[in-house]
Amino acid sequence: MTSEGGRDAVEILETVWTWERSLPLKYVLVSEEWDEELIVWAHCAEADGLFVESASRREQLTFVGCSPTGRLLKAAERFRHGPVEPVDLGVLGLIVEFRVPGADPAGDPFHTYDSDRWGLRAPFLIGCQPSTVDPTLMDLVIEAEVEGPVWRGEPADAEWRLFNGLGGGRLGACHRVEGLYGRYGKRPFPASPPMRLIGCQPGERLLRRLVRPRGDGDRVTLLALDRTGRVMRHQEHMPLRVIASRPSELGGSLVDLWLEEGPAHRPDPVVRPVWDAWFEGPPAEPGEWIGFSHEGRTEWAAFAAAKQDVGGQLPGPVRHLDGRYVTDIPGFVCAIGEAVAGPGGHYDQCWHTLRGCPCGGDMPRSPFTLIWHDADVARRALAAVTVDAAGETPYLDGVLRLLAQVGLAVELR
């Protein structure tokens, strides 16, 4: 699929003209052929089961023989004088490198290197003690949601390293990781629950498939549209396996379709109000994100990023950031997006640079001055948040350093 808001938005908008009904069109099932031809499988008025409470995938890992540095070391030192409350570690990356034996055509042995990597989302340090392999090192117990490949082996010469997010600065190394192999490696990924598409107008290809079902199913993408027919969000590819179809409860010639499974990753019901707001169309007034929770603001920022090519950057050499409601990081992302690109706007910046990503940040199309009003709100709210590997730079100072690095002048008021 091409990027959201681009060619798809134009083609899907054209398909809205075939929806001559009083019901709003909210979803379209599409796929893309090898020659980039867009195939529309169905138009749908509603989707039951799109919003699903996430099943917990949290794991408890023990990093044995660890030599932490920077902010990870600071977190570990809080356990020096006895048990403390779990310490939020932000985002961590885990990489293992190991030798793979092989042989050249002449039969001589040699070794190449391979690696695997995992992201640890919402990691918390819940325990720390002198290591069982070397008392000068530490055994760290971290609870996190693990994202990455299934790990089915432990090479003797594996080298484990922790990073400040994948691509960020290094936070230490350890001898081995307990819990990654075993519980995580053998734990099945939760099955994607079924989903019902309500009030569907099938396209020709889907009609043929309903008459002559096929076992394997095609891979399709579920597009969410706003009232104007603009593509709001793409859901990931999913198999189109229809297990039942009935005349729709919405009447007419529409049908309701039961799919064997929906997208593997679905939004949590807590963010549904954000989807409802964006369904009415891109925001016309600034600050419509303010009343949402942390999760809602995160989702709002994702919607804003999806429409980043709509409207573009505001004209003029000066931008004004309303800092009164920048009480968390998603709030800052929403606020600076509006400052740069207007209501519901997005500022295209690599915030991973704050964690040490070597890209150095994204230069703006044209430099401008950012006037940050009520900056003390963010300084107070985010005082305890550090994202640099050393754990020494408050979040606001890291942001200011990055903006200066990409050529923006910032005035705090």
Protein backbone atom coordinates (compact mmCIF):
# COMPACT_ATOMS: atom_id res chain seq x y z
CA MET A 1 0.00 0.00 0.00
CA THR A 2 1.16 3.51 -0.62
CA SER A 3 1.40 6.08 2.13
CA GLU A 4 -1.66 7.29 3.94
CA GLY A 5 -3.17 10.47 2.60
CA GLY A 6 -1.45 10.02 -0.80
CA ARG A 7 -2.64 8.13 -3.88
CA ASP A 8 -4.99 6.00 -1.75
CA ALA A 9 -6.84 9.06 -0.47
CA VAL A 10 -7.64 10.17 -4.02
CA GLU A 11 -8.72 6.74 -5.23
CA ILE A 12 -10.77 5.97 -2.14
CA LEU A 13 -12.48 9.35 -2.38
CA GLU A 14 -13.52 8.36 -5.89
CA THR A 15 -15.03 5.12 -4.55
CA VAL A 16 -17.25 7.11 -2.17
CA TRP A 17 -19.24 8.22 -5.20
CA THR A 18 -20.45 4.61 -5.54
CA TRP A 19 -21.89 4.74 -2.00
CA GLU A 20 -25.27 6.28 -2.70
CA ARG A 21 -26.79 5.71 0.73
CA SER A 22 -27.88 7.79 3.68
CA LEU A 23 -25.59 5.76 5.95
CA PRO A 24 -22.07 7.13 6.48
CA LEU A 25 -19.27 5.17 4.82
CA LYS A 26 -16.63 4.42 7.45
CA TYR A 27 -14.49 1.57 6.17
CA VAL A 28 -13.20 0.19 2.88
CA LEU A 29 -11.50 -3.17 2.30
CA VAL A 30 -8.75 -2.90 -0.31
CA SER A 31 -5.73 -4.75 -1.65
CA GLU A 32 -3.00 -3.80 -4.08
CA GLU A 33 -1.96 -5.82 -7.12
CA TRP A 34 1.65 -6.34 -8.18
CA ASP A 35 1.28 -3.44 -10.64
CA GLU A 36 -0.04 -1.17 -7.84
CA GLU A 37 -3.64 -1.38 -9.06
CA LEU A 38 -5.93 -0.72 -6.10
CA ILE A 39 -8.66 -3.36 -5.70
CA VAL A 40 -11.72 -2.37 -3.67
CA TRP A 41 -13.31 -5.45 -2.10
CA ALA A 42 -16.11 -3.80 -0.12
CA HIS A 43 -17.49 -0.57 1.34
CA CYS A 44 -18.76 -0.88 4.92
CA ALA A 45 -20.80 1.28 7.24
CA GLU A 46 -19.46 -0.11 10.51
CA ALA A 47 -17.02 -2.61 12.00
CA ASP A 48 -17.89 -4.55 15.13
CA GLY A 49 -14.81 -5.83 16.94
CA LEU A 50 -12.31 -3.28 15.62
CA PHE A 51 -11.63 -1.96 19.13
CA VAL A 52 -10.30 -4.69 21.40
CA GLU A 53 -8.74 -4.56 24.84
CA SER A 54 -5.15 -5.65 24.42
CA ALA A 55 -4.12 -8.96 25.93
CA SER A 56 -1.15 -8.48 28.23
CA ARG A 57 2.14 -9.69 26.76
CA ARG A 58 4.26 -8.64 29.71
CA GLU A 59 7.20 -10.85 30.59
CA GLN A 60 9.66 -10.96 33.49
CA LEU A 61 13.26 -11.15 32.29
CA THR A 62 16.44 -11.49 34.37
CA PHE A 63 19.57 -9.90 32.94
CA VAL A 64 22.36 -11.94 34.52
CA GLY A 65 25.85 -10.52 34.95
CA CYS A 66 24.87 -7.04 33.86
CA SER A 67 27.15 -4.00 33.78
CA PRO A 68 24.62 -1.14 33.43
CA THR A 69 25.58 2.39 32.52
CA GLY A 70 23.89 5.78 32.39
CA ARG A 71 20.28 5.99 33.41
CA LEU A 72 19.99 2.20 33.75
CA LEU A 73 22.79 2.28 36.35
CA LYS A 74 21.05 5.13 38.18
CA ALA A 75 17.83 3.10 38.28
CA ALA A 76 19.70 0.04 39.60
CA GLU A 77 21.41 2.05 42.34
CA ARG A 78 18.02 2.92 43.81
CA PHE A 79 17.82 -0.72 44.94
CA ARG A 80 21.17 -0.55 46.75
CA HIS A 81 19.59 0.10 50.17
CA GLY A 82 16.69 -2.33 49.89
CA PRO A 83 13.48 -2.88 47.91
CA VAL A 84 11.90 0.15 46.27
CA GLU A 85 8.94 0.78 44.00
CA PRO A 86 9.39 -0.42 40.38
CA VAL A 87 11.39 2.07 38.32
CA ASP A 88 10.05 3.13 34.92
CA LEU A 89 12.81 2.64 32.34
CA GLY A 90 11.07 4.33 29.40
CA VAL A 91 11.93 2.30 26.27
CA LEU A 92 14.72 -0.25 25.99
CA GLY A 93 16.25 -2.15 23.11
CA LEU A 94 17.90 -5.56 23.47
CA ILE A 95 20.35 -6.94 20.92
CA VAL A 96 22.21 -10.26 20.91
CA GLU A 97 25.12 -11.09 18.61
CA PHE A 98 26.42 -14.62 18.22
CA ARG A 99 28.79 -16.58 16.03
CA VAL A 100 27.41 -18.94 13.40
CA PRO A 101 29.79 -21.75 12.38
CA GLY A 102 30.18 -22.53 8.70
CA ALA A 103 32.68 -23.77 6.13
CA ASP A 104 34.12 -22.41 2.94
CA PRO A 105 34.14 -24.50 -0.28
CA ALA A 106 37.56 -25.93 0.64
CA GLY A 107 36.14 -27.29 3.88
CA ASP A 108 37.95 -24.93 6.23
CA PRO A 109 35.80 -23.88 9.22
CA PHE A 110 35.04 -20.23 9.79
CA HIS A 111 32.51 -18.17 11.73
CA THR A 112 30.11 -15.48 10.68
CA TYR A 113 28.07 -13.30 12.98
CA ASP A 114 24.31 -13.06 13.27
CA SER A 115 22.07 -11.07 15.58
CA ASP A 116 18.55 -10.71 16.88
CA ARG A 117 16.90 -7.73 18.50
CA TRP A 118 13.89 -7.02 20.66
CA GLY A 119 12.07 -3.94 21.81
CA LEU A 120 11.05 -3.78 25.48
CA ARG A 121 7.93 -1.63 25.78
CA ALA A 122 6.94 -0.05 29.09
CA PRO A 123 9.86 -1.70 30.93
CA PHE A 124 10.05 -1.50 34.74
CA LEU A 125 13.03 -2.47 36.87
CA ILE A 126 11.53 -4.53 39.69
CA GLY A 127 14.65 -6.06 41.24
CA CYS A 128 18.42 -5.74 41.46
CA GLN A 129 21.09 -7.69 43.37
CA PRO A 130 24.78 -8.64 43.09
CA SER A 131 25.18 -11.12 40.26
CA THR A 132 25.39 -14.85 40.79
CA VAL A 133 28.17 -15.04 38.16
CA ASP A 134 30.28 -12.14 39.45
CA PRO A 135 29.51 -10.09 42.58
CA THR A 136 30.97 -6.99 40.93
CA LEU A 137 28.18 -7.20 38.34
CA MET A 138 24.38 -7.01 38.77
CA ASP A 139 21.43 -9.24 38.09
CA LEU A 140 18.56 -7.01 36.94
CA VAL A 141 14.94 -8.16 36.89
CA ILE A 142 12.89 -6.23 34.33
CA GLU A 143 9.22 -6.60 33.51
CA ALA A 144 8.24 -5.48 30.01
CA GLU A 145 6.20 -6.23 26.93
CA VAL A 146 8.58 -7.98 24.56
CA GLU A 147 8.42 -7.29 20.84
CA GLY A 148 10.63 -9.27 18.50
CA PRO A 149 11.46 -12.75 17.22
CA VAL A 150 10.95 -16.01 19.08
CA TRP A 151 14.23 -16.90 20.76
CA ARG A 152 14.84 -20.65 20.72
CA GLY A 153 18.49 -20.99 21.61
CA GLU A 154 21.33 -19.64 23.71
CA PRO A 155 24.73 -19.79 21.96
CA ALA A 156 27.54 -20.03 24.49
CA ASP A 157 29.34 -17.04 23.01
CA ALA A 158 26.31 -14.76 22.71
CA GLU A 159 26.87 -11.07 23.51
CA TRP A 160 23.87 -9.30 25.00
CA ARG A 161 23.59 -5.52 24.99
CA LEU A 162 20.93 -3.09 26.22
CA PHE A 163 20.20 0.18 24.44
CA ASN A 164 18.24 3.35 25.07
CA GLY A 165 15.56 2.21 22.62
CA LEU A 166 16.53 0.41 19.41
CA GLY A 167 18.99 2.68 17.65
CA GLY A 168 19.70 4.70 20.80
CA GLY A 169 22.72 4.96 23.06
CA ARG A 170 24.16 1.94 24.84
CA LEU A 171 23.03 1.24 28.42
CA GLY A 172 25.10 -1.81 29.28
CA ALA A 173 25.83 -5.45 28.58
CA CYS A 174 25.14 -8.76 30.32
CA HIS A 175 26.17 -12.43 30.22
CA ARG A 176 22.75 -13.88 29.46
CA VAL A 177 19.01 -13.21 29.64
CA GLU A 178 16.77 -15.61 31.54
CA GLY A 179 13.09 -15.75 30.65
CA LEU A 180 13.45 -14.81 26.99
CA TYR A 181 14.01 -18.44 26.08
CA GLY A 182 11.33 -20.69 27.51
CA ARG A 183 8.28 -18.70 28.52
CA TYR A 184 8.49 -16.17 25.74
CA GLY A 185 9.95 -18.47 23.13
CA LYS A 186 7.28 -21.12 23.66
CA ARG A 187 4.35 -18.86 24.43
CA PRO A 188 1.88 -18.73 21.51
CA PHE A 189 0.90 -15.33 20.22
CA PRO A 190 -2.76 -14.70 21.10
CA ALA A 191 -5.12 -15.47 18.26
CA SER A 192 -6.73 -12.50 16.57
CA PRO A 193 -10.43 -12.55 17.47
CA PRO A 194 -13.08 -12.48 14.72
CA MET A 195 -14.61 -9.27 13.46
CA ARG A 196 -17.97 -8.42 11.88
CA LEU A 197 -18.28 -5.89 9.07
CA ILE A 198 -21.76 -4.35 9.15
CA GLY A 199 -23.61 -2.88 6.18
CA CYS A 200 -21.22 -3.97 3.46
CA GLN A 201 -21.54 -3.30 -0.24
CA PRO A 202 -19.34 -6.05 -1.77
CA GLY A 203 -17.33 -5.40 -4.90
CA GLU A 204 -17.31 -7.82 -7.83
CA ARG A 205 -14.29 -9.75 -6.58
CA LEU A 206 -15.79 -10.28 -3.14
CA LEU A 207 -19.13 -11.34 -4.62
CA ARG A 208 -17.34 -14.04 -6.60
CA ARG A 209 -15.50 -15.13 -3.47
CA LEU A 210 -18.76 -15.38 -1.51
CA VAL A 211 -20.22 -17.63 -4.21
CA ARG A 212 -17.10 -19.78 -4.46
CA PRO A 213 -15.23 -19.58 -1.15
CA ARG A 214 -11.51 -20.31 -1.08
CA GLY A 215 -9.76 -21.71 1.94
CA ASP A 216 -6.60 -19.61 1.90
CA GLY A 217 -8.16 -16.16 1.66
CA ASP A 218 -6.66 -12.97 0.25
CA ARG A 219 -4.74 -10.40 2.23
CA VAL A 220 -6.61 -7.10 2.52
CA THR A 221 -6.21 -3.79 4.30
CA LEU A 222 -8.97 -2.11 6.28
CA LEU A 223 -9.04 1.64 5.63
CA ALA A 224 -10.89 3.95 8.02
CA LEU A 225 -12.44 7.00 6.32
CA ASP A 226 -13.80 10.26 7.63
CA ARG A 227 -17.07 11.82 6.47
CA THR A 228 -15.38 13.34 3.41
CA GLY A 229 -13.96 9.99 2.27
CA ARG A 230 -10.40 10.90 3.25
CA VAL A 231 -8.32 7.98 4.51
CA MET A 232 -7.79 8.50 8.25
CA ARG A 233 -5.84 5.36 9.11
CA HIS A 234 -4.65 2.08 7.64
CA GLN A 235 -5.06 -1.07 9.65
CA GLU A 236 -2.48 -3.74 8.92
CA HIS A 237 -3.02 -6.52 6.39
CA MET A 238 -5.38 -9.28 7.43
CA PRO A 239 -6.70 -12.43 5.76
CA LEU A 240 -10.08 -12.10 4.07
CA ARG A 241 -11.66 -15.32 5.32
CA VAL A 242 -15.44 -14.87 5.41
CA ILE A 243 -17.00 -17.49 7.67
CA ALA A 244 -20.58 -16.22 7.38
CA SER A 245 -22.64 -13.61 5.51
CA ARG A 246 -26.19 -12.46 6.13
CA PRO A 247 -28.51 -9.71 4.86
CA SER A 248 -27.48 -6.67 6.85
CA GLU A 249 -29.31 -5.42 9.88
CA LEU A 250 -29.07 -2.03 8.17
CA GLY A 251 -31.37 -3.20 5.39
CA GLY A 252 -31.34 -2.64 1.67
CA SER A 253 -29.04 -4.81 -0.43
CA LEU A 254 -26.23 -4.57 2.13
CA VAL A 255 -24.75 -7.62 3.84
CA ASP A 256 -23.03 -8.26 7.15
CA LEU A 257 -19.82 -10.25 6.94
CA TRP A 258 -18.21 -12.30 9.71
CA LEU A 259 -14.45 -12.59 9.27
CA GLU A 260 -12.51 -15.45 10.83
CA GLU A 261 -9.98 -12.95 12.16
CA GLY A 262 -9.36 -9.24 12.00
CA PRO A 263 -6.16 -7.19 12.20
CA ALA A 264 -3.65 -8.60 14.68
CA HIS A 265 -3.20 -5.20 16.32
CA ARG A 266 -6.34 -3.22 17.08
CA PRO A 267 -6.93 0.02 18.96
CA ASP A 268 -8.01 -0.15 22.58
CA PRO A 269 -11.59 0.96 23.33
CA VAL A 270 -10.19 3.81 25.44
CA VAL A 271 -9.09 5.64 22.26
CA ARG A 272 -12.38 5.25 20.41
CA PRO A 273 -13.44 8.87 21.18
CA VAL A 274 -10.35 10.01 19.25
CA TRP A 275 -11.47 7.97 16.22
CA ASP A 276 -14.96 9.44 16.52
CA ALA A 277 -13.54 12.97 16.59
CA TRP A 278 -11.39 12.44 13.50
CA PHE A 279 -14.30 10.79 11.67
CA GLU A 280 -15.98 14.19 11.61
CA GLY A 281 -13.00 15.47 9.61
CA PRO A 282 -9.56 16.97 10.29
CA PRO A 283 -9.68 19.37 13.27
CA ALA A 284 -10.58 22.96 12.42
CA GLU A 285 -9.63 24.48 15.78
CA PRO A 286 -6.43 24.06 17.80
CA GLY A 287 -6.40 22.20 21.08
CA GLU A 288 -9.07 19.60 20.38
CA TRP A 289 -6.68 16.97 21.81
CA ILE A 290 -6.39 18.64 25.20
CA GLY A 291 -9.16 16.76 26.99
CA PHE A 292 -7.95 13.29 26.08
CA SER A 293 -6.02 10.92 28.32
CA HIS A 294 -2.37 10.02 27.79
CA GLU A 295 -3.47 7.12 25.55
CA GLY A 296 -5.90 9.36 23.68
CA ARG A 297 -3.23 11.98 23.04
CA THR A 298 -0.91 9.28 21.73
CA GLU A 299 -3.63 8.15 19.33
CA TRP A 300 -4.33 11.76 18.32
CA ALA A 301 -0.67 12.21 17.43
CA ALA A 302 -0.86 9.05 15.29
CA PHE A 303 -3.83 10.47 13.38
CA ALA A 304 -1.97 13.75 12.90
CA ALA A 305 1.08 11.91 11.55
CA ALA A 306 -1.16 10.03 9.10
CA LYS A 307 -2.31 13.32 7.54
CA GLN A 308 1.06 15.03 7.54
CA ASP A 309 0.94 15.67 3.79
CA VAL A 310 -2.42 17.45 4.06
CA GLY A 311 -1.96 21.19 4.56
CA GLY A 312 1.78 21.05 5.20
CA GLN A 313 3.75 23.64 7.13
CA LEU A 314 2.22 26.97 8.09
CA PRO A 315 3.64 30.00 6.27
CA GLY A 316 5.75 32.66 7.96
CA PRO A 317 9.02 32.79 9.92
CA VAL A 318 7.43 32.42 13.40
CA ARG A 319 5.40 29.61 15.03
CA HIS A 320 3.63 29.81 18.40
CA LEU A 321 3.43 26.73 20.65
CA ASP A 322 0.67 26.84 23.26
CA GLY A 323 2.35 25.12 26.20
CA ARG A 324 -0.47 25.36 28.76
CA TYR A 325 -1.43 21.70 28.35
CA VAL A 326 1.94 20.09 27.64
CA THR A 327 1.79 17.83 30.68
CA ASP A 328 3.09 14.66 29.02
CA ILE A 329 5.16 13.69 25.99
CA PRO A 330 2.17 12.95 23.68
CA GLY A 331 0.81 16.38 24.64
CA PHE A 332 4.07 17.96 23.50
CA VAL A 333 3.92 16.06 20.18
CA CYS A 334 0.35 17.29 19.62
CA ALA A 335 1.19 20.88 20.61
CA ILE A 336 4.28 21.27 18.45
CA GLY A 337 2.45 19.60 15.55
CA GLU A 338 -0.22 22.28 15.73
CA ALA A 339 2.37 25.03 16.12
CA VAL A 340 4.10 23.96 12.90
CA ALA A 341 1.20 22.72 10.75
CA GLY A 342 -2.03 24.07 12.26
CA PRO A 343 -4.93 22.23 13.97
CA GLY A 344 -4.45 18.48 13.89
CA GLY A 345 -1.02 19.05 12.38
CA HIS A 346 2.16 17.01 12.65
CA TYR A 347 5.78 18.09 13.02
CA ASP A 348 7.90 15.57 11.12
CA GLN A 349 10.83 15.04 13.46
CA CYS A 350 12.84 11.98 14.55
CA TRP A 351 12.28 12.13 18.30
CA HIS A 352 14.36 8.93 18.61
CA THR A 353 17.33 11.30 18.29
CA LEU A 354 16.68 12.19 21.94
CA ARG A 355 17.60 8.59 22.78
CA GLY A 356 20.75 8.66 20.68
CA CYS A 357 19.57 7.80 17.17
CA PRO A 358 22.54 8.73 14.96
CA CYS A 359 20.38 10.44 12.31
CA GLY A 360 20.82 13.72 14.16
CA GLY A 361 17.24 14.85 13.59
CA ASP A 362 15.28 16.07 10.57
CA MET A 363 15.93 19.53 9.18
CA PRO A 364 12.79 21.63 8.58
CA ARG A 365 11.80 22.61 5.06
CA SER A 366 12.69 26.18 5.99
CA PRO A 367 14.03 27.38 9.37
CA PHE A 368 11.65 29.28 11.65
CA THR A 369 11.48 30.65 15.16
CA LEU A 370 9.37 28.73 17.67
CA ILE A 371 7.90 30.80 20.48
CA TRP A 372 7.03 28.38 23.29
CA HIS A 373 4.43 29.97 25.56
CA ASP A 374 4.06 28.72 29.15
CA ALA A 375 7.12 26.49 28.78
CA ASP A 376 7.32 26.13 32.58
CA VAL A 377 4.30 23.81 32.45
CA ALA A 378 6.30 21.22 30.53
CA ARG A 379 9.41 21.80 32.61
CA ARG A 380 7.51 21.01 35.81
CA ALA A 381 5.44 18.14 34.42
CA LEU A 382 8.38 16.40 32.72
CA ALA A 383 11.07 17.25 35.29
CA ALA A 384 11.61 13.57 36.19
CA VAL A 385 11.64 12.37 32.57
CA THR A 386 15.01 11.76 30.94
CA VAL A 387 15.48 9.96 27.65
CA ASP A 388 19.22 10.36 27.07
CA ALA A 389 21.38 7.31 27.78
CA ALA A 390 23.19 9.08 30.64
CA GLY A 391 19.92 9.93 32.36
CA GLU A 392 21.16 13.45 33.06
CA THR A 393 19.25 15.64 30.60
CA PRO A 394 15.64 16.58 31.46
CA TYR A 395 13.24 15.97 28.61
CA LEU A 396 12.60 19.65 27.90
CA ASP A 397 16.33 20.40 27.71
CA GLY A 398 16.81 17.47 25.35
CA VAL A 399 14.05 18.79 23.08
CA LEU A 400 15.55 22.28 23.05
CA ARG A 401 18.96 20.87 22.21
CA LEU A 402 17.52 18.85 19.32
CA LEU A 403 15.56 21.79 17.90
CA ALA A 404 18.67 23.96 17.99
CA GLN A 405 20.61 21.14 16.32
CA VAL A 406 18.20 21.09 13.34
CA GLY A 407 18.36 24.87 12.94
CA LEU A 408 15.32 26.18 14.86
CA ALA A 409 15.47 29.16 17.16
CA VAL A 410 13.31 28.69 20.26
CA GLU A 411 12.10 31.41 22.62
CA LEU A 412 10.68 30.26 25.97
CA ARG A 413 7.97 32.47 27.48
